[in-house]
Amino acid sequence: MPKINKVFIDCKAVMSDGAALCDSGAFNFSIISKEFAKPLFLIAPRYKFTPLYAFSQDTFNYYLSPL
């Protein structure tokens, strides 16, 4: 980690309140980069920004009727 200057991670979605839905392991990268005082950058294209708010982890796992 001493040779690393920056940490870049990607995400699945960026919510309105600034929360990010990321793959597993992203939290570990954020903790490690904080511990070594390295900047962490979240990479997300514009189409991954959503107007929804992240209330809980289960709110995106509901199955709705297609009709």
Protein backbone atom coordinates (compact mmCIF):
# COMPACT_ATOMS: atom_id res chain seq x y z
CA MET A 1 0.00 0.00 0.00
CA PRO A 2 2.85 2.53 0.46
CA LYS A 3 3.44 2.57 -3.33
CA ILE A 4 -0.23 3.33 -4.11
CA ASN A 5 -1.23 6.99 -4.50
CA LYS A 6 -4.97 6.68 -5.24
CA VAL A 7 -7.70 4.03 -4.98
CA PHE A 8 -10.39 3.82 -7.69
CA ILE A 9 -13.57 1.71 -7.34
CA ASP A 10 -16.70 1.46 -9.47
CA CYS A 11 -20.32 1.17 -8.39
CA LYS A 12 -23.70 -0.07 -9.55
CA ALA A 13 -25.64 3.08 -8.63
CA VAL A 14 -25.22 6.45 -6.93
CA MET A 15 -28.23 7.53 -4.90
CA SER A 16 -29.59 11.06 -4.32
CA ASP A 17 -28.23 11.31 -0.81
CA GLY A 18 -24.70 10.39 -1.91
CA ALA A 19 -24.89 6.71 -1.00
CA ALA A 20 -23.38 4.26 -3.45
CA LEU A 21 -24.43 0.69 -4.22
CA CYS A 22 -21.18 -1.16 -4.88
CA ASP A 23 -19.97 -4.70 -5.36
CA SER A 24 -18.76 -6.73 -2.42
CA GLY A 25 -15.35 -5.68 -1.20
CA ALA A 26 -15.80 -1.95 -1.82
CA PHE A 27 -16.22 -1.30 1.90
CA ASN A 28 -12.94 -3.09 2.56
CA PHE A 29 -11.16 -0.89 0.02
CA SER A 30 -12.60 2.22 1.65
CA ILE A 31 -11.48 1.16 5.14
CA ILE A 32 -7.97 0.28 3.92
CA SER A 33 -7.57 3.53 1.98
CA LYS A 34 -8.68 5.50 5.04
CA GLU A 35 -6.25 3.61 7.25
CA PHE A 36 -3.33 4.40 4.94
CA ALA A 37 -4.56 8.00 4.28
CA LYS A 38 -4.96 7.47 0.52
CA PRO A 39 -7.72 9.20 -1.48
CA LEU A 40 -10.61 7.01 -2.64
CA PHE A 41 -12.38 7.86 -5.91
CA LEU A 42 -15.75 6.42 -6.87
CA ILE A 43 -16.07 6.00 -10.63
CA ALA A 44 -19.60 6.13 -12.01
CA PRO A 45 -20.97 7.15 -15.41
CA ARG A 46 -23.82 9.61 -15.47
CA TYR A 47 -26.52 7.03 -16.27
CA LYS A 48 -25.88 5.30 -12.92
CA PHE A 49 -27.10 8.32 -10.93
CA THR A 50 -30.61 7.76 -9.62
CA PRO A 51 -33.11 10.08 -7.87
CA LEU A 52 -33.93 7.38 -5.29
CA TYR A 53 -32.77 7.39 -1.68
CA ALA A 54 -31.08 4.45 0.00
CA PHE A 55 -33.34 3.58 2.93
CA SER A 56 -32.17 0.04 3.52
CA GLN A 57 -30.36 -2.73 1.73
CA ASP A 58 -33.57 -4.71 1.15
CA THR A 59 -35.48 -1.99 -0.71
CA PHE A 60 -33.93 -3.02 -4.04
CA ASN A 61 -34.70 -6.72 -3.65
CA TYR A 62 -38.48 -6.55 -3.97
CA TYR A 63 -40.02 -8.50 -6.82
CA LEU A 64 -42.91 -6.61 -8.41
CA SER A 65 -45.57 -7.98 -10.71
CA PRO A 66 -44.77 -7.38 -14.39
CA LEU A 67 -48.45 -6.61 -15.11
